[in-house]
Amino acid sequence: MTTFSFAGADIPAEPGQSIGAALLAAGYRSVRTTRRDGAPRGLFCGIGVCFDCLVVVNGRPGLLACVTEARAGDEVRPQEGTGRDHLAC
């Protein structure tokens, strides 16, 4: 068993488990919000085809929670919109 943080909470994860699976097991259903409406989004496809489960891991935005392995000590945050607002002109 390992742990990572999500929005300041410690989340347990089994070795090889995805961030998304660990968050679902911990009771989290939403991992990001949409840019335009701020609508909550969570796991949808579970296989990395859609982009509903985007999270920020250790400061890196745009990672898919459903296919990103949970690693000990990772700091995971909910993502707002596309996570690329810093690139806007």
PDB file of N, CA and C in Angstrom:
ATOM      1  N   MET A   1       0.846  -1.184   0.000  1.00  0.00           N
ATOM      2  CA  MET A   1       0.000   0.000   0.000  1.00  0.00           C
ATOM      3  C   MET A   1       0.886   1.240   0.000  1.00  0.00           C
ATOM      4  N   THR A   2       0.462   2.243  -0.768  1.00  0.00           N
ATOM      5  CA  THR A   2       1.172   3.512  -0.841  1.00  0.00           C
ATOM      6  C   THR A   2       0.154   4.638  -0.672  1.00  0.00           C
ATOM      7  N   THR A   3       0.609   5.845  -0.514  1.00  0.00           N
ATOM      8  CA  THR A   3      -0.319   6.979  -0.422  1.00  0.00           C
ATOM      9  C   THR A   3       0.177   8.142  -1.266  1.00  0.00           C
ATOM     10  N   PHE A   4      -0.772   8.899  -1.777  1.00  0.00           N
ATOM     11  CA  PHE A   4      -0.499  10.155  -2.465  1.00  0.00           C
ATOM     12  C   PHE A   4      -1.502  11.164  -1.930  1.00  0.00           C
ATOM     13  N   SER A   5      -1.291  12.430  -2.227  1.00  0.00           N
ATOM     14  CA  SER A   5      -2.240  13.435  -1.743  1.00  0.00           C
ATOM     15  C   SER A   5      -3.116  13.917  -2.886  1.00  0.00           C
ATOM     16  N   PHE A   6      -4.370  14.187  -2.569  1.00  0.00           N
ATOM     17  CA  PHE A   6      -5.310  14.772  -3.526  1.00  0.00           C
ATOM     18  C   PHE A   6      -6.031  15.908  -2.821  1.00  0.00           C
ATOM     19  N   ALA A   7      -5.782  17.107  -3.279  1.00  0.00           N
ATOM     20  CA  ALA A   7      -6.406  18.287  -2.680  1.00  0.00           C
ATOM     21  C   ALA A   7      -6.170  18.321  -1.179  1.00  0.00           C
ATOM     22  N   GLY A   8      -4.982  17.899  -0.759  1.00  0.00           N
ATOM     23  CA  GLY A   8      -4.603  17.959   0.649  1.00  0.00           C
ATOM     24  C   GLY A   8      -4.958  16.737   1.473  1.00  0.00           C
ATOM     25  N   ALA A   9      -5.692  15.787   0.917  1.00  0.00           N
ATOM     26  CA  ALA A   9      -6.067  14.574   1.650  1.00  0.00           C
ATOM     27  C   ALA A   9      -5.157  13.417   1.239  1.00  0.00           C
ATOM     28  N   ASP A  10      -4.783  12.572   2.193  1.00  0.00           N
ATOM     29  CA  ASP A  10      -3.989  11.382   1.880  1.00  0.00           C
ATOM     30  C   ASP A  10      -4.903  10.298   1.314  1.00  0.00           C
ATOM     31  N   ILE A  11      -4.513   9.770   0.150  1.00  0.00           N
ATOM     32  CA  ILE A  11      -5.303   8.757  -0.540  1.00  0.00           C
ATOM     33  C   ILE A  11      -4.490   7.469  -0.615  1.00  0.00           C
ATOM     34  N   PRO A  12      -5.018   6.354  -0.101  1.00  0.00           N
ATOM     35  CA  PRO A  12      -4.299   5.084  -0.206  1.00  0.00           C
ATOM     36  C   PRO A  12      -4.437   4.500  -1.613  1.00  0.00           C
ATOM     37  N   ALA A  13      -3.408   3.806  -2.060  1.00  0.00           N
ATOM     38  CA  ALA A  13      -3.440   3.161  -3.371  1.00  0.00           C
ATOM     39  C   ALA A  13      -2.672   1.849  -3.312  1.00  0.00           C
ATOM     40  N   GLU A  14      -3.160   0.878  -4.031  1.00  0.00           N
ATOM     41  CA  GLU A  14      -2.470  -0.405  -4.168  1.00  0.00           C
ATOM     42  C   GLU A  14      -1.360  -0.263  -5.206  1.00  0.00           C
ATOM     43  N   PRO A  15      -0.305  -1.047  -5.119  1.00  0.00           N
ATOM     44  CA  PRO A  15       0.759  -0.983  -6.132  1.00  0.00           C
ATOM     45  C   PRO A  15       0.182  -1.206  -7.535  1.00  0.00           C
ATOM     46  N   GLY A  16       0.525  -0.326  -8.470  1.00  0.00           N
ATOM     47  CA  GLY A  16       0.063  -0.434  -9.847  1.00  0.00           C
ATOM     48  C   GLY A  16      -1.309   0.162 -10.106  1.00  0.00           C
ATOM     49  N   GLN A  17      -1.998   0.610  -9.071  1.00  0.00           N
ATOM     50  CA  GLN A  17      -3.331   1.174  -9.233  1.00  0.00           C
ATOM     51  C   GLN A  17      -3.247   2.575  -9.836  1.00  0.00           C
ATOM     52  N   SER A  18      -4.220   2.917 -10.664  1.00  0.00           N
ATOM     53  CA  SER A  18      -4.234   4.260 -11.236  1.00  0.00           C
ATOM     54  C   SER A  18      -4.723   5.271 -10.210  1.00  0.00           C
ATOM     55  N   ILE A  19      -4.379   6.525 -10.447  1.00  0.00           N
ATOM     56  CA  ILE A  19      -4.855   7.603  -9.587  1.00  0.00           C
ATOM     57  C   ILE A  19      -6.380   7.617  -9.590  1.00  0.00           C
ATOM     58  N   GLY A  20      -6.962   7.470 -10.756  1.00  0.00           N
ATOM     59  CA  GLY A  20      -8.420   7.483 -10.872  1.00  0.00           C
ATOM     60  C   GLY A  20      -9.084   6.384 -10.069  1.00  0.00           C
ATOM     61  N   ALA A  21      -8.557   5.165 -10.150  1.00  0.00           N
ATOM     62  CA  ALA A  21      -9.130   4.046  -9.406  1.00  0.00           C
ATOM     63  C   ALA A  21      -9.009   4.267  -7.904  1.00  0.00           C
ATOM     64  N   ALA A  22      -7.868   4.785  -7.470  1.00  0.00           N
ATOM     65  CA  ALA A  22      -7.675   5.055  -6.046  1.00  0.00           C
ATOM     66  C   ALA A  22      -8.622   6.145  -5.559  1.00  0.00           C
ATOM     67  N   LEU A  23      -8.827   7.176  -6.379  1.00  0.00           N
ATOM     68  CA  LEU A  23      -9.748   8.240  -5.998  1.00  0.00           C
ATOM     69  C   LEU A  23     -11.183   7.737  -5.923  1.00  0.00           C
ATOM     70  N   LEU A  24     -11.582   6.903  -6.877  1.00  0.00           N
ATOM     71  CA  LEU A  24     -12.928   6.316  -6.815  1.00  0.00           C
ATOM     72  C   LEU A  24     -13.100   5.475  -5.556  1.00  0.00           C
ATOM     73  N   ALA A  25     -12.102   4.680  -5.242  1.00  0.00           N
ATOM     74  CA  ALA A  25     -12.168   3.837  -4.044  1.00  0.00           C
ATOM     75  C   ALA A  25     -12.251   4.681  -2.772  1.00  0.00           C
ATOM     76  N   ALA A  26     -11.685   5.888  -2.817  1.00  0.00           N
ATOM     77  CA  ALA A  26     -11.714   6.782  -1.653  1.00  0.00           C
ATOM     78  C   ALA A  26     -12.979   7.649  -1.628  1.00  0.00           C
ATOM     79  N   GLY A  27     -13.856   7.484  -2.615  1.00  0.00           N
ATOM     80  CA  GLY A  27     -15.125   8.200  -2.621  1.00  0.00           C
ATOM     81  C   GLY A  27     -15.174   9.468  -3.447  1.00  0.00           C
ATOM     82  N   TYR A  28     -14.108   9.782  -4.178  1.00  0.00           N
ATOM     83  CA  TYR A  28     -14.097  10.980  -5.015  1.00  0.00           C
ATOM     84  C   TYR A  28     -14.722  10.662  -6.369  1.00  0.00           C
ATOM     85  N   ARG A  29     -15.664  11.479  -6.794  1.00  0.00           N
ATOM     86  CA  ARG A  29     -16.315  11.284  -8.092  1.00  0.00           C
ATOM     87  C   ARG A  29     -15.922  12.350  -9.103  1.00  0.00           C
ATOM     88  N   SER A  30     -15.467  13.498  -8.625  1.00  0.00           N
ATOM     89  CA  SER A  30     -15.066  14.588  -9.508  1.00  0.00           C
ATOM     90  C   SER A  30     -13.577  14.863  -9.313  1.00  0.00           C
ATOM     91  N   VAL A  31     -12.853  14.989 -10.431  1.00  0.00           N
ATOM     92  CA  VAL A  31     -11.416  15.264 -10.344  1.00  0.00           C
ATOM     93  C   VAL A  31     -11.022  16.562 -11.035  1.00  0.00           C
ATOM     94  N   ARG A  32     -11.963  17.177 -11.749  1.00  0.00           N
ATOM     95  CA  ARG A  32     -11.679  18.450 -12.403  1.00  0.00           C
ATOM     96  C   ARG A  32     -12.978  19.196 -12.668  1.00  0.00           C
ATOM     97  N   THR A  33     -12.837  20.444 -13.120  1.00  0.00           N
ATOM     98  CA  THR A  33     -13.987  21.227 -13.550  1.00  0.00           C
ATOM     99  C   THR A  33     -13.744  21.734 -14.959  1.00  0.00           C
ATOM    100  N   THR A  34     -14.839  21.970 -15.680  1.00  0.00           N
ATOM    101  CA  THR A  34     -14.711  22.468 -17.043  1.00  0.00           C
ATOM    102  C   THR A  34     -14.358  23.947 -17.042  1.00  0.00           C
ATOM    103  N   ARG A  35     -13.715  24.378 -18.106  1.00  0.00           N
ATOM    104  CA  ARG A  35     -13.243  25.760 -18.202  1.00  0.00           C
ATOM    105  C   ARG A  35     -14.404  26.748 -18.295  1.00  0.00           C
ATOM    106  N   ARG A  36     -15.367  26.470 -19.097  1.00  0.00           N
ATOM    107  CA  ARG A  36     -16.436  27.436 -19.351  1.00  0.00           C
ATOM    108  C   ARG A  36     -17.450  27.501 -18.209  1.00  0.00           C
ATOM    109  N   ASP A  37     -17.973  26.364 -17.798  1.00  0.00           N
ATOM    110  CA  ASP A  37     -19.068  26.356 -16.828  1.00  0.00           C
ATOM    111  C   ASP A  37     -18.659  25.955 -15.416  1.00  0.00           C
ATOM    112  N   GLY A  38     -17.426  25.466 -15.244  1.00  0.00           N
ATOM    113  CA  GLY A  38     -17.017  24.985 -13.927  1.00  0.00           C
ATOM    114  C   GLY A  38     -17.749  23.717 -13.519  1.00  0.00           C
ATOM    115  N   ALA A  39     -18.242  22.967 -14.516  1.00  0.00           N
ATOM    116  CA  ALA A  39     -18.986  21.739 -14.244  1.00  0.00           C
ATOM    117  C   ALA A  39     -18.023  20.632 -13.802  1.00  0.00           C
ATOM    118  N   PRO A  40     -18.423  19.832 -12.832  1.00  0.00           N
ATOM    119  CA  PRO A  40     -17.542  18.762 -12.360  1.00  0.00           C
ATOM    120  C   PRO A  40     -17.409  17.643 -13.394  1.00  0.00           C
ATOM    121  N   ARG A  41     -16.223  17.063 -13.451  1.00  0.00           N
ATOM    122  CA  ARG A  41     -15.948  15.928 -14.328  1.00  0.00           C
ATOM    123  C   ARG A  41     -15.161  14.896 -13.539  1.00  0.00           C
ATOM    124  N   GLY A  42     -15.333  13.632 -13.907  1.00  0.00           N
ATOM    125  CA  GLY A  42     -14.624  12.545 -13.257  1.00  0.00           C
ATOM    126  C   GLY A  42     -14.303  11.465 -14.271  1.00  0.00           C
ATOM    127  N   LEU A  43     -14.114  10.249 -13.797  1.00  0.00           N
ATOM    128  CA  LEU A  43     -13.835   9.145 -14.708  1.00  0.00           C
ATOM    129  C   LEU A  43     -15.049   8.877 -15.579  1.00  0.00           C
ATOM    130  N   PHE A  44     -14.823   8.720 -16.871  1.00  0.00           N
ATOM    131  CA  PHE A  44     -15.912   8.405 -17.794  1.00  0.00           C
ATOM    132  C   PHE A  44     -15.593   7.117 -18.534  1.00  0.00           C
ATOM    133  N   CYS A  45     -14.552   7.132 -19.352  1.00  0.00           N
ATOM    134  CA  CYS A  45     -14.220   5.941 -20.134  1.00  0.00           C
ATOM    135  C   CYS A  45     -13.331   4.977 -19.355  1.00  0.00           C
ATOM    136  N   GLY A  46     -12.450   5.510 -18.541  1.00  0.00           N
ATOM    137  CA  GLY A  46     -11.565   4.671 -17.742  1.00  0.00           C
ATOM    138  C   GLY A  46     -10.404   4.043 -18.490  1.00  0.00           C
ATOM    139  N   ILE A  47     -10.224   4.401 -19.780  1.00  0.00           N
ATOM    140  CA  ILE A  47      -9.145   3.797 -20.568  1.00  0.00           C
ATOM    141  C   ILE A  47      -8.292   4.820 -21.316  1.00  0.00           C
ATOM    142  N   GLY A  48      -8.438   6.102 -20.989  1.00  0.00           N
ATOM    143  CA  GLY A  48      -7.594   7.130 -21.595  1.00  0.00           C
ATOM    144  C   GLY A  48      -8.046   7.639 -22.941  1.00  0.00           C
ATOM    145  N   VAL A  49      -9.298   7.375 -23.325  1.00  0.00           N
ATOM    146  CA  VAL A  49      -9.798   7.843 -24.617  1.00  0.00           C
ATOM    147  C   VAL A  49     -10.411   9.235 -24.512  1.00  0.00           C
ATOM    148  N   CYS A  50     -11.181   9.467 -23.461  1.00  0.00           N
ATOM    149  CA  CYS A  50     -11.774  10.797 -23.273  1.00  0.00           C
ATOM    150  C   CYS A  50     -10.822  11.643 -22.413  1.00  0.00           C
ATOM    151  N   PHE A  51     -11.222  12.831 -22.080  1.00  0.00           N
ATOM    152  CA  PHE A  51     -10.366  13.699 -21.281  1.00  0.00           C
ATOM    153  C   PHE A  51     -11.099  14.259 -20.067  1.00  0.00           C
ATOM    154  N   ASP A  52     -12.042  13.492 -19.551  1.00  0.00           N
ATOM    155  CA  ASP A  52     -12.818  13.962 -18.403  1.00  0.00           C
ATOM    156  C   ASP A  52     -12.063  13.875 -17.087  1.00  0.00           C
ATOM    157  N   CYS A  53     -11.038  13.050 -17.001  1.00  0.00           N
ATOM    158  CA  CYS A  53     -10.364  12.841 -15.708  1.00  0.00           C
ATOM    159  C   CYS A  53      -8.990  13.516 -15.619  1.00  0.00           C
ATOM    160  N   LEU A  54      -8.830  14.656 -16.279  1.00  0.00           N
ATOM    161  CA  LEU A  54      -7.554  15.364 -16.237  1.00  0.00           C
ATOM    162  C   LEU A  54      -7.251  15.868 -14.832  1.00  0.00           C
ATOM    163  N   VAL A  55      -6.019  15.653 -14.394  1.00  0.00           N
ATOM    164  CA  VAL A  55      -5.557  16.123 -13.091  1.00  0.00           C
ATOM    165  C   VAL A  55      -4.177  16.741 -13.244  1.00  0.00           C
ATOM    166  N   VAL A  56      -3.757  17.429 -12.195  1.00  0.00           N
ATOM    167  CA  VAL A  56      -2.416  18.006 -12.123  1.00  0.00           C
ATOM    168  C   VAL A  56      -1.615  17.136 -11.161  1.00  0.00           C
ATOM    169  N   VAL A  57      -0.515  16.563 -11.632  1.00  0.00           N
ATOM    170  CA  VAL A  57       0.324  15.698 -10.798  1.00  0.00           C
ATOM    171  C   VAL A  57       1.699  16.340 -10.658  1.00  0.00           C
ATOM    172  N   ASN A  58       2.073  16.643  -9.427  1.00  0.00           N
ATOM    173  CA  ASN A  58       3.368  17.279  -9.140  1.00  0.00           C
ATOM    174  C   ASN A  58       3.596  18.519 -10.008  1.00  0.00           C
ATOM    175  N   GLY A  59       2.520  19.311 -10.180  1.00  0.00           N
ATOM    176  CA  GLY A  59       2.612  20.547 -10.942  1.00  0.00           C
ATOM    177  C   GLY A  59       2.449  20.398 -12.439  1.00  0.00           C
ATOM    178  N   ARG A  60       2.318  19.188 -12.933  1.00  0.00           N
ATOM    179  CA  ARG A  60       2.182  18.942 -14.377  1.00  0.00           C
ATOM    180  C   ARG A  60       0.704  18.737 -14.726  1.00  0.00           C
ATOM    181  N   PRO A  61       0.090  19.678 -15.480  1.00  0.00           N
ATOM    182  CA  PRO A  61      -1.330  19.550 -15.824  1.00  0.00           C
ATOM    183  C   PRO A  61      -1.567  18.591 -16.976  1.00  0.00           C
ATOM    184  N   GLY A  62      -2.828  18.202 -17.136  1.00  0.00           N
ATOM    185  CA  GLY A  62      -3.233  17.445 -18.310  1.00  0.00           C
ATOM    186  C   GLY A  62      -2.982  15.955 -18.259  1.00  0.00           C
ATOM    187  N   LEU A  63      -2.756  15.396 -17.088  1.00  0.00           N
ATOM    188  CA  LEU A  63      -2.547  13.949 -17.000  1.00  0.00           C
ATOM    189  C   LEU A  63      -3.882  13.247 -16.754  1.00  0.00           C
ATOM    190  N   LEU A  64      -4.073  12.118 -17.403  1.00  0.00           N
ATOM    191  CA  LEU A  64      -5.305  11.350 -17.261  1.00  0.00           C
ATOM    192  C   LEU A  64      -5.232  10.490 -15.999  1.00  0.00           C
ATOM    193  N   ALA A  65      -6.118  10.756 -15.050  1.00  0.00           N
ATOM    194  CA  ALA A  65      -6.116  10.016 -13.787  1.00  0.00           C
ATOM    195  C   ALA A  65      -6.370   8.531 -14.003  1.00  0.00           C
ATOM    196  N   CYS A  66      -7.125   8.182 -15.051  1.00  0.00           N
ATOM    197  CA  CYS A  66      -7.496   6.778 -15.267  1.00  0.00           C
ATOM    198  C   CYS A  66      -6.330   5.906 -15.717  1.00  0.00           C
ATOM    199  N   VAL A  67      -5.293   6.503 -16.299  1.00  0.00           N
ATOM    200  CA  VAL A  67      -4.164   5.701 -16.791  1.00  0.00           C
ATOM    201  C   VAL A  67      -2.825   6.096 -16.170  1.00  0.00           C
ATOM    202  N   THR A  68      -2.838   7.059 -15.259  1.00  0.00           N
ATOM    203  CA  THR A  68      -1.607   7.489 -14.591  1.00  0.00           C
ATOM    204  C   THR A  68      -1.468   6.725 -13.288  1.00  0.00           C
ATOM    205  N   GLU A  69      -0.355   6.024 -13.144  1.00  0.00           N
ATOM    206  CA  GLU A  69      -0.140   5.204 -11.946  1.00  0.00           C
ATOM    207  C   GLU A  69       0.043   6.074 -10.710  1.00  0.00           C
ATOM    208  N   ALA A  70      -0.620   5.677  -9.642  1.00  0.00           N
ATOM    209  CA  ALA A  70      -0.473   6.360  -8.356  1.00  0.00           C
ATOM    210  C   ALA A  70       0.890   6.005  -7.775  1.00  0.00           C
ATOM    211  N   ARG A  71       1.657   7.008  -7.429  1.00  0.00           N
ATOM    212  CA  ARG A  71       2.991   6.787  -6.866  1.00  0.00           C
ATOM    213  C   ARG A  71       3.082   7.460  -5.501  1.00  0.00           C
ATOM    214  N   ALA A  72       3.838   6.827  -4.631  1.00  0.00           N
ATOM    215  CA  ALA A  72       4.005   7.336  -3.267  1.00  0.00           C
ATOM    216  C   ALA A  72       4.507   8.770  -3.280  1.00  0.00           C
ATOM    217  N   GLY A  73       3.852   9.609  -2.507  1.00  0.00           N
ATOM    218  CA  GLY A  73       4.294  10.980  -2.356  1.00  0.00           C
ATOM    219  C   GLY A  73       3.843  11.942  -3.431  1.00  0.00           C
ATOM    220  N   ASP A  74       3.166  11.463  -4.477  1.00  0.00           N
ATOM    221  CA  ASP A  74       2.694  12.372  -5.520  1.00  0.00           C
ATOM    222  C   ASP A  74       1.710  13.373  -4.937  1.00  0.00           C
ATOM    223  N   GLU A  75       1.775  14.596  -5.443  1.00  0.00           N
ATOM    224  CA  GLU A  75       0.802  15.625  -5.084  1.00  0.00           C
ATOM    225  C   GLU A  75      -0.136  15.797  -6.265  1.00  0.00           C
ATOM    226  N   VAL A  76      -1.366  15.363  -6.112  1.00  0.00           N
ATOM    227  CA  VAL A  76      -2.363  15.419  -7.172  1.00  0.00           C
ATOM    228  C   VAL A  76      -3.383  16.492  -6.807  1.00  0.00           C
ATOM    229  N   ARG A  77      -3.707  17.325  -7.790  1.00  0.00           N
ATOM    230  CA  ARG A  77      -4.697  18.381  -7.572  1.00  0.00           C
ATOM    231  C   ARG A  77      -5.770  18.295  -8.648  1.00  0.00           C
ATOM    232  N   PRO A  78      -6.980  18.729  -8.321  1.00  0.00           N
ATOM    233  CA  PRO A  78      -8.014  18.822  -9.356  1.00  0.00           C
ATOM    234  C   PRO A  78      -7.574  19.827 -10.410  1.00  0.00           C
ATOM    235  N   GLN A  79      -7.950  19.590 -11.641  1.00  0.00           N
ATOM    236  CA  GLN A  79      -7.591  20.508 -12.709  1.00  0.00           C
ATOM    237  C   GLN A  79      -8.793  21.372 -13.054  1.00  0.00           C
ATOM    238  N   GLU A  80      -8.550  22.650 -13.272  1.00  0.00           N
ATOM    239  CA  GLU A  80      -9.593  23.561 -13.710  1.00  0.00           C
ATOM    240  C   GLU A  80      -9.457  23.761 -15.205  1.00  0.00           C
ATOM    241  N   GLY A  81     -10.486  23.412 -15.956  1.00  0.00           N
ATOM    242  CA  GLY A  81     -10.468  23.560 -17.412  1.00  0.00           C
ATOM    243  C   GLY A  81      -9.406  22.694 -18.049  1.00  0.00           C
ATOM    244  N   THR A  82      -8.698  23.273 -19.025  1.00  0.00           N
ATOM    245  CA  THR A  82      -7.698  22.518 -19.777  1.00  0.00           C
ATOM    246  C   THR A  82      -6.365  22.443 -19.073  1.00  0.00           C
ATOM    247  N   GLY A  83      -6.167  23.274 -18.034  1.00  0.00           N
ATOM    248  CA  GLY A  83      -4.895  23.284 -17.334  1.00  0.00           C
ATOM    249  C   GLY A  83      -3.811  24.023 -18.085  1.00  0.00           C
ATOM    250  N   ARG A  84      -4.193  24.714 -19.138  1.00  0.00           N
ATOM    251  CA  ARG A  84      -3.212  25.408 -19.979  1.00  0.00           C
ATOM    252  C   ARG A  84      -3.457  26.915 -20.021  1.00  0.00           C
ATOM    253  N   ASP A  85      -4.150  27.448 -19.031  1.00  0.00           N
ATOM    254  CA  ASP A  85      -4.453  28.876 -19.012  1.00  0.00           C
ATOM    255  C   ASP A  85      -3.189  29.736 -19.045  1.00  0.00           C
ATOM    256  N   HIS A  86      -2.092  29.212 -18.530  1.00  0.00           N
ATOM    257  CA  HIS A  86      -0.840  29.971 -18.528  1.00  0.00           C
ATOM    258  C   HIS A  86      -0.297  30.200 -19.939  1.00  0.00           C
ATOM    259  N   LEU A  87      -0.830  29.485 -20.937  1.00  0.00           N
ATOM    260  CA  LEU A  87      -0.372  29.629 -22.312  1.00  0.00           C
ATOM    261  C   LEU A  87      -1.182  30.654 -23.100  1.00  0.00           C
ATOM    262  N   ALA A  88      -2.297  31.120 -22.524  1.00  0.00           N
ATOM    263  CA  ALA A  88      -3.157  32.071 -23.226  1.00  0.00           C
ATOM    264  C   ALA A  88      -2.452  33.416 -23.407  1.00  0.00           C
ATOM    265  N   CYS A  89      -2.654  34.020 -24.552  1.00  0.00           N
ATOM    266  CA  CYS A  89      -2.040  35.326 -24.851  1.00  0.00           C
ATOM    267  C   CYS A  89      -2.948  36.448 -24.447  1.00  0.00           C
TER     268      CYS A  89
END
